[in-house]
């Protein structure tokens, strides 16, 4: 069987991977998370996002892995770096980080054909109180979504867990972007919405691999994409934050493939 066609596919088009495939995802996810651990000391006021991406590119190359984003639809960087009101897909470049900036760094690597995809928040210097709270709420929203994952639950349960928590904190969940299936491909069914109603959507089964990656805004949820056709920003220029894990559904819950080996997934951990 072609490695890209392992496992069966559900009626919703979602691939069910085999138990042995968890090993490949574990390896790819750990490398992506390790690279994000290792970039943390370089996220300081005065650094440029282009310099951070250069370091990430060198780390991917040194590992013997491939960057999934270099060459993807014409994109030319090993990371997306989204600062302050940039929601996602920020392009690294000459932007200089200032004290108090918050930023999401998103990295996807390919190891032996398996995709490891993760992102997390960083702070350059000392964040404002409102930025610190946004980062905390977004992190906790991701974890509440992950807690909803188990065979027999639905994707609507995941979205509802995230949405209800975020809106109770008087923040908003971005609707324009979502998580996705992955494995031996970068993006595949399902679309993992970060809002929804319990009991709706496809039913989770053991062997499904996908990302959960909520984007949370301090203001309204609306976004717009800039003229570069990549960078998405909040329409009201409010701060935005995002955390992302790649996970696999297990018999009694899920496995997080992109756990930080150094325990640095949350920026206050360092």
C-alpha atoms as a PDB file:
ATOM      1  CA  UNK A   1       0.000   0.000   0.000  1.00  0.00           C
ATOM      2  CA  UNK A   2       1.188   3.541  -0.795  1.00  0.00           C
ATOM      3  CA  UNK A   3       2.358   5.196   2.436  1.00  0.00           C
ATOM      4  CA  UNK A   4       0.128   8.167   1.627  1.00  0.00           C
ATOM      5  CA  UNK A   5      -2.911   5.878   1.588  1.00  0.00           C
ATOM      6  CA  UNK A   6      -2.483   4.043   4.905  1.00  0.00           C
ATOM      7  CA  UNK A   7      -5.589   3.285   6.938  1.00  0.00           C
ATOM      8  CA  UNK A   8      -9.229   3.680   6.017  1.00  0.00           C
ATOM      9  CA  UNK A   9     -11.231   6.835   5.347  1.00  0.00           C
ATOM     10  CA  UNK A  10     -14.521   7.675   7.086  1.00  0.00           C
ATOM     11  CA  UNK A  11     -17.667   8.810   5.284  1.00  0.00           C
ATOM     12  CA  UNK A  12     -16.618  12.363   6.178  1.00  0.00           C
ATOM     13  CA  UNK A  13     -13.342  11.930   4.305  1.00  0.00           C
ATOM     14  CA  UNK A  14     -11.204  11.694   7.456  1.00  0.00           C
ATOM     15  CA  UNK A  15      -8.325   9.223   7.369  1.00  0.00           C
ATOM     16  CA  UNK A  16      -8.027   6.725  10.221  1.00  0.00           C
ATOM     17  CA  UNK A  17      -4.360   5.949  10.792  1.00  0.00           C
ATOM     18  CA  UNK A  18      -2.901   2.715  12.130  1.00  0.00           C
ATOM     19  CA  UNK A  19      -1.368   2.300  15.624  1.00  0.00           C
ATOM     20  CA  UNK A  20       2.161   2.213  14.202  1.00  0.00           C
ATOM     21  CA  UNK A  21       1.644   5.604  12.562  1.00  0.00           C
ATOM     22  CA  UNK A  22       1.632   7.277  15.968  1.00  0.00           C
ATOM     23  CA  UNK A  23       5.407   6.700  16.088  1.00  0.00           C
ATOM     24  CA  UNK A  24       6.022   8.819  13.001  1.00  0.00           C
ATOM     25  CA  UNK A  25       3.794  11.627  14.234  1.00  0.00           C
ATOM     26  CA  UNK A  26       5.450  11.536  17.637  1.00  0.00           C
ATOM     27  CA  UNK A  27       8.887  12.005  16.070  1.00  0.00           C
ATOM     28  CA  UNK A  28       7.825  14.838  13.765  1.00  0.00           C
ATOM     29  CA  UNK A  29       5.856  16.595  16.490  1.00  0.00           C
ATOM     30  CA  UNK A  30       8.712  16.397  18.968  1.00  0.00           C
ATOM     31  CA  UNK A  31      11.135  17.985  16.502  1.00  0.00           C
ATOM     32  CA  UNK A  32       8.775  20.871  15.748  1.00  0.00           C
ATOM     33  CA  UNK A  33       8.256  21.449  19.467  1.00  0.00           C
ATOM     34  CA  UNK A  34      11.996  21.256  20.155  1.00  0.00           C
ATOM     35  CA  UNK A  35      12.703  23.929  17.553  1.00  0.00           C
ATOM     36  CA  UNK A  36      10.136  26.199  19.204  1.00  0.00           C
ATOM     37  CA  UNK A  37      11.805  25.527  22.570  1.00  0.00           C
ATOM     38  CA  UNK A  38      15.193  26.468  21.156  1.00  0.00           C
ATOM     39  CA  UNK A  39      14.026  29.750  19.579  1.00  0.00           C
ATOM     40  CA  UNK A  40      12.674  31.069  22.896  1.00  0.00           C
ATOM     41  CA  UNK A  41      15.920  32.728  24.122  1.00  0.00           C
ATOM     42  CA  UNK A  42      16.154  34.713  20.872  1.00  0.00           C
ATOM     43  CA  UNK A  43      12.709  36.341  21.241  1.00  0.00           C
ATOM     44  CA  UNK A  44      13.809  39.625  22.792  1.00  0.00           C
ATOM     45  CA  UNK A  45      13.277  43.329  22.144  1.00  0.00           C
ATOM     46  CA  UNK A  46      15.500  44.385  19.241  1.00  0.00           C
ATOM     47  CA  UNK A  47      15.359  41.046  17.423  1.00  0.00           C
ATOM     48  CA  UNK A  48      13.784  40.991  13.978  1.00  0.00           C
ATOM     49  CA  UNK A  49      11.256  38.410  12.855  1.00  0.00           C
ATOM     50  CA  UNK A  50      13.507  37.702   9.860  1.00  0.00           C
ATOM     51  CA  UNK A  51      16.391  36.820  12.169  1.00  0.00           C
ATOM     52  CA  UNK A  52      14.169  34.477  14.162  1.00  0.00           C
ATOM     53  CA  UNK A  53      13.131  32.748  10.945  1.00  0.00           C
ATOM     54  CA  UNK A  54      16.775  32.428   9.842  1.00  0.00           C
ATOM     55  CA  UNK A  55      17.598  30.631  13.100  1.00  0.00           C
ATOM     56  CA  UNK A  56      14.571  28.352  12.722  1.00  0.00           C
ATOM     57  CA  UNK A  57      15.560  27.544   9.131  1.00  0.00           C
ATOM     58  CA  UNK A  58      19.064  26.584  10.272  1.00  0.00           C
ATOM     59  CA  UNK A  59      17.665  24.357  13.021  1.00  0.00           C
ATOM     60  CA  UNK A  60      15.361  22.540  10.593  1.00  0.00           C
ATOM     61  CA  UNK A  61      18.242  21.973   8.189  1.00  0.00           C
ATOM     62  CA  UNK A  62      20.598  20.821  10.955  1.00  0.00           C
ATOM     63  CA  UNK A  63      18.045  18.227  12.069  1.00  0.00           C
ATOM     64  CA  UNK A  64      17.949  16.632   8.628  1.00  0.00           C
ATOM     65  CA  UNK A  65      14.217  17.325   8.365  1.00  0.00           C
ATOM     66  CA  UNK A  66      12.374  19.420   5.790  1.00  0.00           C
ATOM     67  CA  UNK A  67      10.344  22.581   6.267  1.00  0.00           C
ATOM     68  CA  UNK A  68       6.762  22.047   5.158  1.00  0.00           C
ATOM     69  CA  UNK A  69       6.242  25.757   4.510  1.00  0.00           C
ATOM     70  CA  UNK A  70       9.227  26.638   2.312  1.00  0.00           C
ATOM     71  CA  UNK A  71       7.801  26.415  -1.204  1.00  0.00           C
ATOM     72  CA  UNK A  72       4.231  25.828   0.006  1.00  0.00           C
ATOM     73  CA  UNK A  73       2.021  27.872  -2.345  1.00  0.00           C
ATOM     74  CA  UNK A  74       5.013  30.098  -3.009  1.00  0.00           C
ATOM     75  CA  UNK A  75       5.803  30.798   0.654  1.00  0.00           C
ATOM     76  CA  UNK A  76       9.546  31.146   1.269  1.00  0.00           C
ATOM     77  CA  UNK A  77      10.039  30.874   5.029  1.00  0.00           C
ATOM     78  CA  UNK A  78      10.374  28.076   7.613  1.00  0.00           C
ATOM     79  CA  UNK A  79       7.988  29.807  10.001  1.00  0.00           C
ATOM     80  CA  UNK A  80       5.067  32.174  10.226  1.00  0.00           C
ATOM     81  CA  UNK A  81       5.595  34.893  12.840  1.00  0.00           C
ATOM     82  CA  UNK A  82       2.510  36.889  13.809  1.00  0.00           C
ATOM     83  CA  UNK A  83       3.023  39.931  16.034  1.00  0.00           C
ATOM     84  CA  UNK A  84       0.372  41.692  18.170  1.00  0.00           C
ATOM     85  CA  UNK A  85      -2.712  42.279  15.967  1.00  0.00           C
ATOM     86  CA  UNK A  86      -1.556  39.793  13.305  1.00  0.00           C
ATOM     87  CA  UNK A  87      -3.835  36.782  13.682  1.00  0.00           C
ATOM     88  CA  UNK A  88      -1.834  34.253  11.643  1.00  0.00           C
ATOM     89  CA  UNK A  89       0.444  33.751   8.624  1.00  0.00           C
ATOM     90  CA  UNK A  90       2.681  36.708   9.442  1.00  0.00           C
ATOM     91  CA  UNK A  91       5.668  36.796   7.068  1.00  0.00           C
ATOM     92  CA  UNK A  92       9.093  37.091   8.757  1.00  0.00           C
ATOM     93  CA  UNK A  93      11.116  40.129   7.714  1.00  0.00           C
ATOM     94  CA  UNK A  94      12.696  43.352   8.985  1.00  0.00           C
ATOM     95  CA  UNK A  95      10.136  44.032  11.714  1.00  0.00           C
ATOM     96  CA  UNK A  96      11.940  44.793  14.978  1.00  0.00           C
ATOM     97  CA  UNK A  97      10.369  43.469  18.173  1.00  0.00           C
ATOM     98  CA  UNK A  98       9.609  46.028  20.877  1.00  0.00           C
ATOM     99  CA  UNK A  99       9.270  45.506  24.617  1.00  0.00           C
ATOM    100  CA  UNK A 100       5.823  44.098  25.351  1.00  0.00           C
ATOM    101  CA  UNK A 101       5.185  42.655  21.882  1.00  0.00           C
ATOM    102  CA  UNK A 102       3.440  39.290  21.831  1.00  0.00           C
ATOM    103  CA  UNK A 103       3.992  36.971  18.903  1.00  0.00           C
ATOM    104  CA  UNK A 104       2.980  33.573  17.632  1.00  0.00           C
ATOM    105  CA  UNK A 105       5.619  31.423  15.948  1.00  0.00           C
ATOM    106  CA  UNK A 106       4.271  28.573  13.806  1.00  0.00           C
ATOM    107  CA  UNK A 107       6.558  25.800  12.531  1.00  0.00           C
ATOM    108  CA  UNK A 108       5.811  22.664  10.512  1.00  0.00           C
ATOM    109  CA  UNK A 109       8.487  20.068   9.759  1.00  0.00           C
ATOM    110  CA  UNK A 110       8.480  16.870   7.720  1.00  0.00           C
ATOM    111  CA  UNK A 111      10.307  13.885   9.215  1.00  0.00           C
ATOM    112  CA  UNK A 112      10.315  10.646   7.185  1.00  0.00           C
ATOM    113  CA  UNK A 113       7.157  11.839   5.455  1.00  0.00           C
ATOM    114  CA  UNK A 114       5.269  12.745   8.644  1.00  0.00           C
ATOM    115  CA  UNK A 115       4.185  16.327   9.376  1.00  0.00           C
ATOM    116  CA  UNK A 116       4.711  17.931  12.788  1.00  0.00           C
ATOM    117  CA  UNK A 117       2.765  21.198  13.090  1.00  0.00           C
ATOM    118  CA  UNK A 118       2.709  23.431  16.166  1.00  0.00           C
ATOM    119  CA  UNK A 119       2.668  27.063  17.213  1.00  0.00           C
ATOM    120  CA  UNK A 120       2.866  28.946  20.465  1.00  0.00           C
ATOM    121  CA  UNK A 121       3.001  32.443  21.891  1.00  0.00           C
ATOM    122  CA  UNK A 122       6.122  34.337  22.957  1.00  0.00           C
ATOM    123  CA  UNK A 123       6.649  37.679  24.662  1.00  0.00           C
ATOM    124  CA  UNK A 124       9.459  40.106  23.882  1.00  0.00           C
ATOM    125  CA  UNK A 125      10.266  41.669  27.231  1.00  0.00           C
ATOM    126  CA  UNK A 126       7.369  42.301  29.609  1.00  0.00           C
ATOM    127  CA  UNK A 127       3.780  42.105  28.326  1.00  0.00           C
ATOM    128  CA  UNK A 128       0.942  44.411  29.273  1.00  0.00           C
ATOM    129  CA  UNK A 129      -1.649  43.028  31.675  1.00  0.00           C
ATOM    130  CA  UNK A 130      -4.233  42.705  28.887  1.00  0.00           C
ATOM    131  CA  UNK A 131      -1.758  40.948  26.579  1.00  0.00           C
ATOM    132  CA  UNK A 132      -0.740  38.553  29.344  1.00  0.00           C
ATOM    133  CA  UNK A 133      -4.373  37.700  30.026  1.00  0.00           C
ATOM    134  CA  UNK A 134      -5.088  37.161  26.317  1.00  0.00           C
ATOM    135  CA  UNK A 135      -2.184  34.731  26.048  1.00  0.00           C
ATOM    136  CA  UNK A 136      -3.349  32.825  29.131  1.00  0.00           C
ATOM    137  CA  UNK A 137      -6.962  32.578  27.938  1.00  0.00           C
ATOM    138  CA  UNK A 138      -5.857  31.364  24.497  1.00  0.00           C
ATOM    139  CA  UNK A 139      -3.603  28.698  26.001  1.00  0.00           C
ATOM    140  CA  UNK A 140      -6.377  27.511  28.310  1.00  0.00           C
ATOM    141  CA  UNK A 141      -8.887  27.486  25.437  1.00  0.00           C
ATOM    142  CA  UNK A 142      -6.650  25.126  23.469  1.00  0.00           C
ATOM    143  CA  UNK A 143      -6.349  22.807  26.445  1.00  0.00           C
ATOM    144  CA  UNK A 144     -10.133  22.799  26.968  1.00  0.00           C
ATOM    145  CA  UNK A 145     -10.545  21.825  23.321  1.00  0.00           C
ATOM    146  CA  UNK A 146      -8.035  19.005  23.743  1.00  0.00           C
ATOM    147  CA  UNK A 147      -9.831  17.805  26.889  1.00  0.00           C
ATOM    148  CA  UNK A 148     -12.956  17.291  24.755  1.00  0.00           C
ATOM    149  CA  UNK A 149     -11.185  14.824  22.444  1.00  0.00           C
ATOM    150  CA  UNK A 150     -12.120  11.166  22.838  1.00  0.00           C
ATOM    151  CA  UNK A 151     -13.705   8.483  20.629  1.00  0.00           C
ATOM    152  CA  UNK A 152     -17.450   9.062  20.344  1.00  0.00           C
ATOM    153  CA  UNK A 153     -17.236  12.813  20.922  1.00  0.00           C
ATOM    154  CA  UNK A 154     -17.771  15.159  17.982  1.00  0.00           C
ATOM    155  CA  UNK A 155     -15.801  17.994  16.425  1.00  0.00           C
ATOM    156  CA  UNK A 156     -18.625  20.271  17.539  1.00  0.00           C
ATOM    157  CA  UNK A 157     -17.798  19.326  21.128  1.00  0.00           C
ATOM    158  CA  UNK A 158     -14.242  20.609  20.609  1.00  0.00           C
ATOM    159  CA  UNK A 159     -15.406  23.896  19.114  1.00  0.00           C
ATOM    160  CA  UNK A 160     -18.051  24.420  21.773  1.00  0.00           C
ATOM    161  CA  UNK A 161     -15.551  23.848  24.592  1.00  0.00           C
ATOM    162  CA  UNK A 162     -13.241  26.502  23.151  1.00  0.00           C
ATOM    163  CA  UNK A 163     -15.933  29.025  22.236  1.00  0.00           C
ATOM    164  CA  UNK A 164     -17.817  28.862  25.523  1.00  0.00           C
ATOM    165  CA  UNK A 165     -14.633  29.369  27.531  1.00  0.00           C
ATOM    166  CA  UNK A 166     -13.299  32.256  25.423  1.00  0.00           C
ATOM    167  CA  UNK A 167     -16.572  34.152  25.273  1.00  0.00           C
ATOM    168  CA  UNK A 168     -17.008  33.793  29.043  1.00  0.00           C
ATOM    169  CA  UNK A 169     -13.724  35.731  29.296  1.00  0.00           C
ATOM    170  CA  UNK A 170     -15.213  38.500  27.084  1.00  0.00           C
ATOM    171  CA  UNK A 171     -12.916  37.695  24.175  1.00  0.00           C
ATOM    172  CA  UNK A 172     -13.730  36.336  20.721  1.00  0.00           C
ATOM    173  CA  UNK A 173     -12.836  33.275  18.666  1.00  0.00           C
ATOM    174  CA  UNK A 174     -11.667  33.841  15.084  1.00  0.00           C
ATOM    175  CA  UNK A 175     -14.000  32.114  12.597  1.00  0.00           C
ATOM    176  CA  UNK A 176     -11.991  32.631   9.407  1.00  0.00           C
ATOM    177  CA  UNK A 177      -9.275  30.033  10.132  1.00  0.00           C
ATOM    178  CA  UNK A 178      -9.397  26.552  11.609  1.00  0.00           C
ATOM    179  CA  UNK A 179      -7.437  23.454  12.500  1.00  0.00           C
ATOM    180  CA  UNK A 180      -6.997  20.615  10.027  1.00  0.00           C
ATOM    181  CA  UNK A 181      -6.225  16.982   9.530  1.00  0.00           C
ATOM    182  CA  UNK A 182      -2.614  16.000   8.893  1.00  0.00           C
ATOM    183  CA  UNK A 183      -0.339  12.978   8.860  1.00  0.00           C
ATOM    184  CA  UNK A 184       1.579  12.221   5.695  1.00  0.00           C
ATOM    185  CA  UNK A 185       0.009  15.349   4.212  1.00  0.00           C
ATOM    186  CA  UNK A 186       0.102  18.937   5.460  1.00  0.00           C
ATOM    187  CA  UNK A 187      -3.628  19.678   5.253  1.00  0.00           C
ATOM    188  CA  UNK A 188      -6.464  17.171   4.993  1.00  0.00           C
ATOM    189  CA  UNK A 189     -10.033  16.721   6.254  1.00  0.00           C
ATOM    190  CA  UNK A 190     -11.434  17.558   8.710  1.00  0.00           C
ATOM    191  CA  UNK A 191     -11.655  21.297   9.190  1.00  0.00           C
ATOM    192  CA  UNK A 192     -11.429  21.677  12.969  1.00  0.00           C
ATOM    193  CA  UNK A 193     -13.574  24.683  13.898  1.00  0.00           C
ATOM    194  CA  UNK A 194     -12.879  26.465  17.173  1.00  0.00           C
ATOM    195  CA  UNK A 195     -16.548  27.300  17.715  1.00  0.00           C
ATOM    196  CA  UNK A 196     -19.702  25.256  17.405  1.00  0.00           C
ATOM    197  CA  UNK A 197     -22.464  23.317  19.133  1.00  0.00           C
ATOM    198  CA  UNK A 198     -22.000  20.167  21.224  1.00  0.00           C
ATOM    199  CA  UNK A 199     -22.988  16.963  19.462  1.00  0.00           C
ATOM    200  CA  UNK A 200     -22.582  18.337  15.934  1.00  0.00           C
ATOM    201  CA  UNK A 201     -20.049  17.486  13.248  1.00  0.00           C
ATOM    202  CA  UNK A 202     -18.168  14.289  12.504  1.00  0.00           C
ATOM    203  CA  UNK A 203     -17.697  11.736  15.270  1.00  0.00           C
ATOM    204  CA  UNK A 204     -14.149  11.265  16.564  1.00  0.00           C
ATOM    205  CA  UNK A 205     -12.529   7.858  16.113  1.00  0.00           C
ATOM    206  CA  UNK A 206      -9.304   6.363  17.357  1.00  0.00           C
ATOM    207  CA  UNK A 207      -6.565   6.958  14.778  1.00  0.00           C
ATOM    208  CA  UNK A 208      -7.632  10.410  13.618  1.00  0.00           C
ATOM    209  CA  UNK A 209      -4.779  12.947  13.440  1.00  0.00           C
ATOM    210  CA  UNK A 210      -5.480  16.693  13.398  1.00  0.00           C
ATOM    211  CA  UNK A 211      -4.494  20.079  14.783  1.00  0.00           C
ATOM    212  CA  UNK A 212      -6.389  22.250  17.232  1.00  0.00           C
ATOM    213  CA  UNK A 213      -5.182  25.850  16.954  1.00  0.00           C
ATOM    214  CA  UNK A 214      -7.592  28.478  18.297  1.00  0.00           C
ATOM    215  CA  UNK A 215      -6.999  32.125  17.470  1.00  0.00           C
ATOM    216  CA  UNK A 216      -8.458  34.450  20.094  1.00  0.00           C
ATOM    217  CA  UNK A 217      -8.924  38.229  19.791  1.00  0.00           C
ATOM    218  CA  UNK A 218      -9.238  40.784  22.569  1.00  0.00           C
ATOM    219  CA  UNK A 219     -11.757  42.599  20.385  1.00  0.00           C
ATOM    220  CA  UNK A 220     -14.098  41.392  17.669  1.00  0.00           C
ATOM    221  CA  UNK A 221     -13.490  38.145  15.731  1.00  0.00           C
ATOM    222  CA  UNK A 222     -13.373  39.616  12.216  1.00  0.00           C
ATOM    223  CA  UNK A 223     -10.121  39.441  10.255  1.00  0.00           C
ATOM    224  CA  UNK A 224      -8.785  40.653   6.916  1.00  0.00           C
ATOM    225  CA  UNK A 225      -5.930  39.426   4.738  1.00  0.00           C
ATOM    226  CA  UNK A 226      -3.389  42.020   3.635  1.00  0.00           C
ATOM    227  CA  UNK A 227      -2.198  42.655   0.085  1.00  0.00           C
ATOM    228  CA  UNK A 228       0.614  40.080   0.429  1.00  0.00           C
ATOM    229  CA  UNK A 229      -2.152  37.404   0.345  1.00  0.00           C
ATOM    230  CA  UNK A 230      -0.795  35.790   3.530  1.00  0.00           C
ATOM    231  CA  UNK A 231      -0.881  38.078   6.556  1.00  0.00           C
ATOM    232  CA  UNK A 232      -4.226  38.016   8.407  1.00  0.00           C
ATOM    233  CA  UNK A 233      -4.913  40.805  10.907  1.00  0.00           C
ATOM    234  CA  UNK A 234      -7.760  41.773  13.218  1.00  0.00           C
ATOM    235  CA  UNK A 235     -10.080  44.258  11.531  1.00  0.00           C
ATOM    236  CA  UNK A 236     -10.364  46.328  14.700  1.00  0.00           C
ATOM    237  CA  UNK A 237      -6.581  46.190  15.311  1.00  0.00           C
ATOM    238  CA  UNK A 238      -7.099  44.431  18.654  1.00  0.00           C
ATOM    239  CA  UNK A 239      -4.463  42.010  19.941  1.00  0.00           C
ATOM    240  CA  UNK A 240      -4.679  38.371  18.846  1.00  0.00           C
ATOM    241  CA  UNK A 241      -3.097  35.168  20.178  1.00  0.00           C
ATOM    242  CA  UNK A 242      -2.895  31.531  19.085  1.00  0.00           C
ATOM    243  CA  UNK A 243      -1.627  28.183  20.355  1.00  0.00           C
ATOM    244  CA  UNK A 244      -1.523  24.981  18.289  1.00  0.00           C
ATOM    245  CA  UNK A 245      -0.958  21.313  19.003  1.00  0.00           C
ATOM    246  CA  UNK A 246      -1.032  18.293  16.680  1.00  0.00           C
ATOM    247  CA  UNK A 247      -2.861  15.388  18.280  1.00  0.00           C
ATOM    248  CA  UNK A 248      -3.934  11.827  17.633  1.00  0.00           C
ATOM    249  CA  UNK A 249      -7.128  10.279  18.976  1.00  0.00           C
ATOM    250  CA  UNK A 250      -6.440   7.280  21.225  1.00  0.00           C
ATOM    251  CA  UNK A 251      -8.725   4.610  22.707  1.00  0.00           C
ATOM    252  CA  UNK A 252      -9.525   6.739  25.758  1.00  0.00           C
ATOM    253  CA  UNK A 253      -8.633  10.310  24.798  1.00  0.00           C
ATOM    254  CA  UNK A 254      -5.780  11.708  22.764  1.00  0.00           C
ATOM    255  CA  UNK A 255      -2.005  11.980  22.491  1.00  0.00           C
ATOM    256  CA  UNK A 256      -0.418  15.402  22.028  1.00  0.00           C
ATOM    257  CA  UNK A 257       2.405  14.938  19.518  1.00  0.00           C
ATOM    258  CA  UNK A 258       3.810  18.456  19.952  1.00  0.00           C
ATOM    259  CA  UNK A 259       4.335  18.699  23.712  1.00  0.00           C
ATOM    260  CA  UNK A 260       7.293  20.938  24.581  1.00  0.00           C
ATOM    261  CA  UNK A 261      10.199  18.683  25.672  1.00  0.00           C
ATOM    262  CA  UNK A 262      11.522  21.549  27.820  1.00  0.00           C
ATOM    263  CA  UNK A 263       8.132  22.485  29.279  1.00  0.00           C
ATOM    264  CA  UNK A 264       8.134  25.859  27.492  1.00  0.00           C
ATOM    265  CA  UNK A 265       4.840  25.703  25.594  1.00  0.00           C
ATOM    266  CA  UNK A 266       3.454  28.600  27.638  1.00  0.00           C
ATOM    267  CA  UNK A 267       5.726  31.692  27.539  1.00  0.00           C
ATOM    268  CA  UNK A 268       5.698  32.236  31.302  1.00  0.00           C
ATOM    269  CA  UNK A 269       7.343  28.807  31.647  1.00  0.00           C
ATOM    270  CA  UNK A 270      10.742  30.102  30.595  1.00  0.00           C
END
